[in-house]
Amino acid sequence: MTDKKQSHAGSILSVLGALIIWSASFVAVKIAYETYPPITLAVVRFIVATLILGALVLLLPKFRVRLEKRDIRTVALAGLTGITLYAVLQNIAMQWMSASNATLIIASYPVITLLLESAIYKTKLNAMKILGILIAIFGVVVISYVKADSRQQGELLGSVLLLAAGVAWAFYNFLTKKVIERYPPVSLLFYQMLFGTIFIAPLALFERAQWQSPTATTFAMMLFLGVLCSVVAFLLYNFGLRAMQPSSVTSMLNLVPFFGVFFSWLLLGEAITPRKVIGGVIVILGVMLSVRRTKREGDEISGGAAVALHSDAHTL
C-alpha cells in the first residue's frame, strides 16, 4: 500500500473513530444523569475539556495563538451560543427524550442552519434544497409525534428544546465562520470553550439541591464526554480532514444517527421502532438533499470548507 493510500485510509479511520465516539455521547449523557443534574453535567464536562485544550494550547507552539482584540466579541458570542445555550437546551431536553430520538432530531440541524442562513444572509435556495428541507421537517415530525395517551411527560417539550438548540447551533456556525481562518481549530475551540464555560458555570448553582456524589460509572461517563467527545474525537476529526474532501466528511457525518440509535439499543435497551427507522431515514434523506452542492458551489467553497467543517461537529 502506498503512503498516499495509507494516509487516506488513516484519515477515514480517524473520522470514523470520531463519529463513533460522538454517537455514543447521547448514551453517556443518559447514564450520567443518574447522579449529575443536566446543567451541572455540562459545566463539569466543559471544565475538563477546557483544561485539556488549554494544556494543548500552552504546550504546543503551533496552537499558542493569542486571541486578537477584534475577535474577542465574536468568539465570546460563539461560546455563548454554541457552548452555553446549546448545552443548556440540549441537556435539559435529554431528560425527557430517549437517546435514539434525540440523535435523530439532531441530525436535522444542517437544515436549520440552511434555513437561517437563507433568512439572514438572503442566500438563494434552489428547488432541490427546498425539497430536502421539507423532507427533513417531515422526518422530524414523524420522529417527534406520539399519541397523547402514550406520550411521556415532557417528551414534546424535549423535542421543541432540541430544535431550539439547533437554532443556537446555527448562530454558533455563523459566528465561527467569521474567525475560523485566523486561528488553528484547537486554539479557536479552546477560546470558545473557555467563554462558554464561564457563561454556563453560574447556572449550575440553580441545581445545588440536586448535587450528589457521582458513582464510578457516572464519573466515567462525565470523563468520556469531557475527554473523548470534546477533545479526542475533535482531534481525530480534524486529522481526518487533512486528506479527505469536505463532501466526503459531510457524508460520513450522516452515520452519527445510525451509530447513535445502535448504541441506544445496545447499551440502554431502547426499542428501535418502525417510526424511528422511517423518521430517521426521512431526516437523513432530507439533509443529504438540502446540503447537496452543485459543481459551481463546490468550486466556490473548496478553499476553506475543510477547516470550516470542524464547527459542525465539536458539540456532539
Protein backbone atom coordinates (compact mmCIF):
# COMPACT_ATOMS: atom_id res chain seq x y z
CA MET A 1 0.00 0.00 0.00
CA THR A 2 1.38 3.40 -0.98
CA ASP A 3 1.92 6.21 1.52
CA LYS A 4 -0.94 8.19 -0.09
CA LYS A 5 -3.37 5.28 0.27
CA GLN A 6 -2.25 4.67 3.85
CA SER A 7 -2.78 8.35 4.63
CA HIS A 8 -6.27 8.27 3.12
CA ALA A 9 -7.16 5.06 4.96
CA GLY A 10 -5.88 6.56 8.21
CA SER A 11 -7.99 9.67 7.62
CA ILE A 12 -11.12 7.60 7.07
CA LEU A 13 -10.46 5.61 10.24
CA SER A 14 -9.82 8.82 12.19
CA VAL A 15 -13.10 10.40 11.11
CA LEU A 16 -14.95 7.13 11.69
CA GLY A 17 -13.47 6.91 15.20
CA ALA A 18 -14.63 10.45 15.94
CA LEU A 19 -18.13 9.69 14.69
CA ILE A 20 -18.40 6.54 16.83
CA ILE A 21 -17.31 8.48 19.93
CA TRP A 22 -19.79 11.28 19.23
CA SER A 23 -22.57 8.77 18.53
CA ALA A 24 -22.08 7.24 21.97
CA SER A 25 -22.26 10.65 23.67
CA PHE A 26 -26.07 10.57 23.85
CA VAL A 27 -25.96 7.29 25.75
CA ALA A 28 -23.25 8.64 28.06
CA VAL A 29 -25.41 11.67 28.87
CA LYS A 30 -28.39 9.50 29.80
CA ILE A 31 -26.24 7.31 32.09
CA ALA A 32 -24.52 10.31 33.70
CA TYR A 33 -27.93 11.78 34.61
CA GLU A 34 -28.21 9.15 37.34
CA THR A 35 -26.11 11.44 39.59
CA TYR A 36 -25.40 14.61 37.57
CA PRO A 37 -28.14 17.22 37.00
CA PRO A 38 -28.24 18.39 33.36
CA ILE A 39 -26.52 21.77 33.63
CA THR A 40 -24.03 20.58 36.23
CA LEU A 41 -23.02 17.76 33.90
CA ALA A 42 -22.38 20.27 31.11
CA VAL A 43 -20.32 22.50 33.42
CA VAL A 44 -18.11 19.70 34.73
CA ARG A 45 -17.65 18.29 31.24
CA PHE A 46 -16.64 21.67 29.81
CA ILE A 47 -14.24 22.39 32.68
CA VAL A 48 -12.43 19.12 31.95
CA ALA A 49 -12.35 19.84 28.20
CA THR A 50 -11.17 23.44 28.73
CA LEU A 51 -8.29 22.32 30.95
CA ILE A 52 -7.12 19.74 28.40
CA LEU A 53 -7.45 22.13 25.46
CA GLY A 54 -5.70 24.82 27.49
CA ALA A 55 -2.81 22.46 28.14
CA LEU A 56 -2.52 21.71 24.41
CA VAL A 57 -2.50 25.42 23.60
CA LEU A 58 0.22 26.12 26.19
CA LEU A 59 2.43 23.11 25.42
CA LEU A 60 2.30 23.01 21.62
CA PRO A 61 3.72 26.11 19.87
CA LYS A 62 1.54 25.70 16.78
CA PHE A 63 -1.56 26.17 18.94
CA ARG A 64 -0.14 29.00 21.05
CA VAL A 65 -2.03 31.76 19.25
CA ARG A 66 -3.30 34.81 21.13
CA LEU A 67 -6.90 35.84 20.57
CA GLU A 68 -6.96 39.14 18.69
CA LYS A 69 -8.83 42.01 20.32
CA ARG A 70 -11.09 42.47 17.31
CA ASP A 71 -12.25 38.84 17.60
CA ILE A 72 -12.98 38.69 21.35
CA ARG A 73 -16.64 39.68 20.99
CA THR A 74 -17.28 37.24 18.14
CA VAL A 75 -15.57 34.32 19.89
CA ALA A 76 -17.35 35.12 23.18
CA LEU A 77 -20.72 35.14 21.41
CA ALA A 78 -19.82 31.85 19.73
CA GLY A 79 -19.08 30.40 23.17
CA LEU A 80 -22.41 31.75 24.45
CA THR A 81 -24.45 30.25 21.63
CA GLY A 82 -22.56 27.07 20.72
CA ILE A 83 -21.44 26.05 24.20
CA THR A 84 -23.70 27.65 26.82
CA LEU A 85 -27.11 27.93 25.14
CA TYR A 86 -26.68 24.75 23.13
CA ALA A 87 -25.65 22.70 26.16
CA VAL A 88 -28.39 24.09 28.41
CA LEU A 89 -31.15 23.45 25.87
CA GLN A 90 -29.88 20.03 24.80
CA ASN A 91 -29.12 18.72 28.27
CA ILE A 92 -32.49 19.80 29.66
CA ALA A 93 -34.24 18.28 26.63
CA MET A 94 -32.38 14.99 27.10
CA GLN A 95 -34.12 14.49 30.46
CA TRP A 96 -37.36 13.77 28.60
CA MET A 97 -36.05 12.32 25.35
CA SER A 98 -34.77 8.89 24.51
CA ALA A 99 -31.16 8.94 23.35
CA SER A 100 -32.16 7.50 19.97
CA ASN A 101 -34.88 10.11 19.30
CA ALA A 102 -32.50 12.91 20.29
CA THR A 103 -29.85 11.56 17.92
CA LEU A 104 -32.27 11.53 15.01
CA ILE A 105 -33.65 15.03 15.66
CA ILE A 106 -30.15 16.49 16.00
CA ALA A 107 -29.40 15.05 12.56
CA SER A 108 -31.71 17.75 11.16
CA TYR A 109 -29.50 20.62 12.36
CA PRO A 110 -27.87 21.27 8.96
CA VAL A 111 -31.35 22.05 7.65
CA ILE A 112 -31.98 24.56 10.48
CA THR A 113 -28.66 26.23 9.66
CA LEU A 114 -29.55 26.35 5.96
CA LEU A 115 -32.95 27.95 6.66
CA LEU A 116 -31.50 30.63 8.94
CA GLU A 117 -28.65 31.28 6.54
CA SER A 118 -31.20 31.90 3.78
CA ALA A 119 -33.29 34.19 6.01
CA ILE A 120 -30.39 36.22 7.42
CA TYR A 121 -27.93 36.34 4.54
CA LYS A 122 -30.55 36.18 1.75
CA THR A 123 -28.89 33.18 0.14
CA LYS A 124 -30.99 31.57 -2.57
CA LEU A 125 -32.40 28.08 -2.15
CA ASN A 126 -32.85 26.01 -5.28
CA ALA A 127 -35.70 23.54 -5.74
CA MET A 128 -33.57 20.60 -4.55
CA LYS A 129 -32.65 22.33 -1.28
CA ILE A 130 -36.25 23.35 -0.62
CA LEU A 131 -37.42 19.79 -1.25
CA GLY A 132 -34.72 18.50 1.11
CA ILE A 133 -35.76 20.94 3.82
CA LEU A 134 -39.43 19.93 3.56
CA ILE A 135 -38.50 16.23 3.66
CA ALA A 136 -36.27 16.71 6.74
CA ILE A 137 -39.01 18.67 8.55
CA PHE A 138 -41.47 15.89 7.81
CA GLY A 139 -38.98 13.36 9.19
CA VAL A 140 -38.65 15.32 12.45
CA VAL A 141 -42.46 15.37 12.76
CA VAL A 142 -42.55 11.60 12.27
CA ILE A 143 -39.90 11.08 14.98
CA SER A 144 -41.47 13.54 17.44
CA TYR A 145 -45.14 12.60 17.02
CA VAL A 146 -46.53 10.43 19.77
CA LYS A 147 -50.22 9.95 20.57
CA ALA A 148 -51.28 11.97 23.60
CA ASP A 149 -52.29 8.91 25.63
CA SER A 150 -48.86 7.27 25.20
CA ARG A 151 -46.66 10.38 25.31
CA GLN A 152 -44.19 10.57 28.18
CA GLN A 153 -44.28 13.69 30.30
CA GLY A 154 -42.14 16.42 28.76
CA GLU A 155 -41.40 14.47 25.56
CA LEU A 156 -42.92 17.09 23.24
CA LEU A 157 -41.19 19.90 25.15
CA GLY A 158 -37.93 17.99 24.82
CA SER A 159 -38.30 17.92 21.03
CA VAL A 160 -39.00 21.67 20.97
CA LEU A 161 -35.95 22.39 23.14
CA LEU A 162 -33.75 20.27 20.86
CA LEU A 163 -34.91 22.24 17.85
CA ALA A 164 -34.23 25.48 19.75
CA ALA A 165 -30.73 24.15 20.44
CA GLY A 166 -30.39 23.72 16.68
CA VAL A 167 -31.08 27.45 16.25
CA ALA A 168 -28.36 28.29 18.80
CA TRP A 169 -26.04 25.92 16.93
CA ALA A 170 -26.75 27.68 13.63
CA PHE A 171 -25.78 31.07 15.07
CA TYR A 172 -22.64 29.48 16.51
CA ASN A 173 -21.73 28.37 12.99
CA PHE A 174 -22.29 31.84 11.56
CA LEU A 175 -20.09 33.41 14.25
CA THR A 176 -17.35 30.80 13.94
CA LYS A 177 -17.07 31.22 10.18
CA LYS A 178 -16.14 34.87 10.71
CA VAL A 179 -12.91 33.99 12.53
CA ILE A 180 -12.07 30.39 11.70
CA GLU A 181 -9.49 31.20 9.04
CA ARG A 182 -7.39 33.20 11.52
CA TYR A 183 -6.79 30.50 14.16
CA PRO A 184 -5.85 26.82 14.39
CA PRO A 185 -9.03 24.80 15.12
CA VAL A 186 -7.77 23.62 18.53
CA SER A 187 -6.91 27.16 19.61
CA LEU A 188 -10.25 28.54 18.48
CA LEU A 189 -12.15 25.73 20.21
CA PHE A 190 -10.23 26.42 23.43
CA TYR A 191 -11.23 30.09 23.47
CA GLN A 192 -14.85 29.28 22.63
CA MET A 193 -14.94 26.56 25.29
CA LEU A 194 -13.39 28.92 27.84
CA PHE A 195 -16.00 31.61 27.26
CA GLY A 196 -18.83 29.09 27.16
CA THR A 197 -17.71 27.51 30.44
CA ILE A 198 -17.50 30.92 32.13
CA PHE A 199 -21.04 31.75 30.98
CA ILE A 200 -22.60 28.41 31.95
CA ALA A 201 -20.84 27.79 35.28
CA PRO A 202 -23.08 30.09 37.41
CA LEU A 203 -26.20 28.33 36.10
CA ALA A 204 -25.16 25.11 37.87
CA LEU A 205 -25.85 26.84 41.19
CA PHE A 206 -29.57 26.55 40.47
CA GLU A 207 -29.14 22.78 40.75
CA ARG A 208 -27.40 22.82 44.16
CA ALA A 209 -30.24 20.85 45.76
CA GLN A 210 -29.69 18.03 43.26
CA TRP A 211 -25.93 17.70 43.70
CA GLN A 212 -24.71 14.30 44.90
CA SER A 213 -21.55 12.24 44.78
CA PRO A 214 -21.09 10.53 41.40
CA THR A 215 -20.76 6.78 41.12
CA ALA A 216 -17.78 5.23 39.35
CA THR A 217 -19.98 4.72 36.27
CA THR A 218 -21.42 8.24 36.08
CA PHE A 219 -17.99 9.77 36.74
CA ALA A 220 -16.57 7.67 33.90
CA MET A 221 -19.38 8.90 31.62
CA MET A 222 -18.57 12.50 32.53
CA LEU A 223 -14.91 11.92 31.66
CA PHE A 224 -15.94 10.22 28.43
CA LEU A 225 -17.89 13.35 27.49
CA GLY A 226 -15.20 15.81 28.58
CA VAL A 227 -12.11 13.99 27.33
CA LEU A 228 -13.16 11.77 24.44
CA CYS A 229 -16.15 13.64 22.98
CA SER A 230 -14.91 17.22 23.42
CA VAL A 231 -11.18 16.70 22.79
CA VAL A 232 -10.05 13.32 21.42
CA ALA A 233 -12.85 12.97 18.84
CA PHE A 234 -12.32 16.56 17.76
CA LEU A 235 -8.60 15.91 17.18
CA LEU A 236 -9.34 12.69 15.26
CA TYR A 237 -11.89 14.53 13.15
CA ASN A 238 -9.51 17.33 12.25
CA PHE A 239 -6.73 14.84 11.46
CA GLY A 240 -9.08 13.11 9.02
CA LEU A 241 -9.91 16.39 7.30
CA ARG A 242 -6.34 16.71 6.06
CA ALA A 243 -6.63 14.00 3.40
CA MET A 244 -10.38 13.95 2.73
CA GLN A 245 -12.71 16.10 0.67
CA PRO A 246 -15.24 18.13 2.70
CA SER A 247 -18.09 16.46 0.80
CA SER A 248 -16.83 13.02 1.91
CA VAL A 249 -16.64 14.09 5.55
CA THR A 250 -20.13 15.64 5.37
CA SER A 251 -21.48 12.36 4.00
CA MET A 252 -19.82 10.41 6.83
CA LEU A 253 -21.48 12.69 9.41
CA ASN A 254 -24.77 11.11 8.35
CA LEU A 255 -23.57 7.90 10.04
CA VAL A 256 -23.90 9.50 13.50
CA PRO A 257 -27.69 8.91 13.79
CA PHE A 258 -27.31 5.26 12.82
CA PHE A 259 -24.50 4.66 15.32
CA GLY A 260 -26.42 6.64 17.94
CA VAL A 261 -29.56 4.53 17.58
CA PHE A 262 -27.46 1.35 17.65
CA PHE A 263 -25.71 2.33 20.90
CA SER A 264 -29.05 3.38 22.44
CA TRP A 265 -30.42 -0.08 21.68
CA LEU A 266 -27.27 -1.93 22.75
CA LEU A 267 -26.46 -0.06 25.98
CA LEU A 268 -29.79 1.39 27.12
CA GLY A 269 -32.18 -1.20 25.75
CA GLU A 270 -34.19 1.42 23.83
CA ALA A 271 -36.57 -0.05 21.29
CA ILE A 272 -35.90 0.53 17.60
CA THR A 273 -39.45 1.14 16.40
CA PRO A 274 -40.59 1.42 12.77
CA ARG A 275 -41.40 5.11 13.45
CA LYS A 276 -37.79 5.82 14.46
CA VAL A 277 -36.38 3.97 11.46
CA ILE A 278 -38.71 5.64 8.95
CA GLY A 279 -38.36 9.09 10.54
CA GLY A 280 -34.58 8.80 10.74
CA VAL A 281 -34.23 7.74 7.12
CA ILE A 282 -36.50 10.61 6.03
CA VAL A 283 -34.49 13.16 8.02
CA ILE A 284 -31.15 11.97 6.64
CA LEU A 285 -32.52 11.89 3.08
CA GLY A 286 -33.75 15.45 3.51
CA VAL A 287 -30.44 16.62 4.94
CA MET A 288 -28.47 14.99 2.11
CA LEU A 289 -30.64 16.71 -0.49
CA SER A 290 -30.58 20.10 1.25
CA VAL A 291 -26.79 20.24 1.69
CA ARG A 292 -26.03 18.83 -1.74
CA ARG A 293 -23.95 21.32 -3.69
CA THR A 294 -23.79 21.95 -7.38
CA LYS A 295 -20.41 21.83 -9.12
CA ARG A 296 -20.33 25.63 -9.15
CA GLU A 297 -21.00 25.83 -5.43
CA GLY A 298 -18.34 23.21 -4.76
CA ASP A 299 -15.74 25.20 -6.66
CA GLU A 300 -16.63 28.35 -4.72
CA ILE A 301 -16.20 26.81 -1.27
CA SER A 302 -13.35 24.35 -1.80
CA GLY A 303 -10.71 26.70 -0.39
CA GLY A 304 -11.90 26.95 3.21
CA ALA A 305 -14.55 24.30 3.62
CA ALA A 306 -12.32 21.66 5.17
CA VAL A 307 -11.38 23.95 8.02
CA ALA A 308 -14.93 25.24 8.47
CA LEU A 309 -16.37 21.73 8.91
CA HIS A 310 -15.00 21.47 12.45
CA SER A 311 -17.66 23.90 13.65
CA ASP A 312 -20.36 21.43 12.59
CA ALA A 313 -19.18 18.69 14.90
CA HIS A 314 -17.47 19.62 18.16
CA THR A 315 -20.57 19.86 20.37
CA LEU A 316 -21.84 16.40 19.55
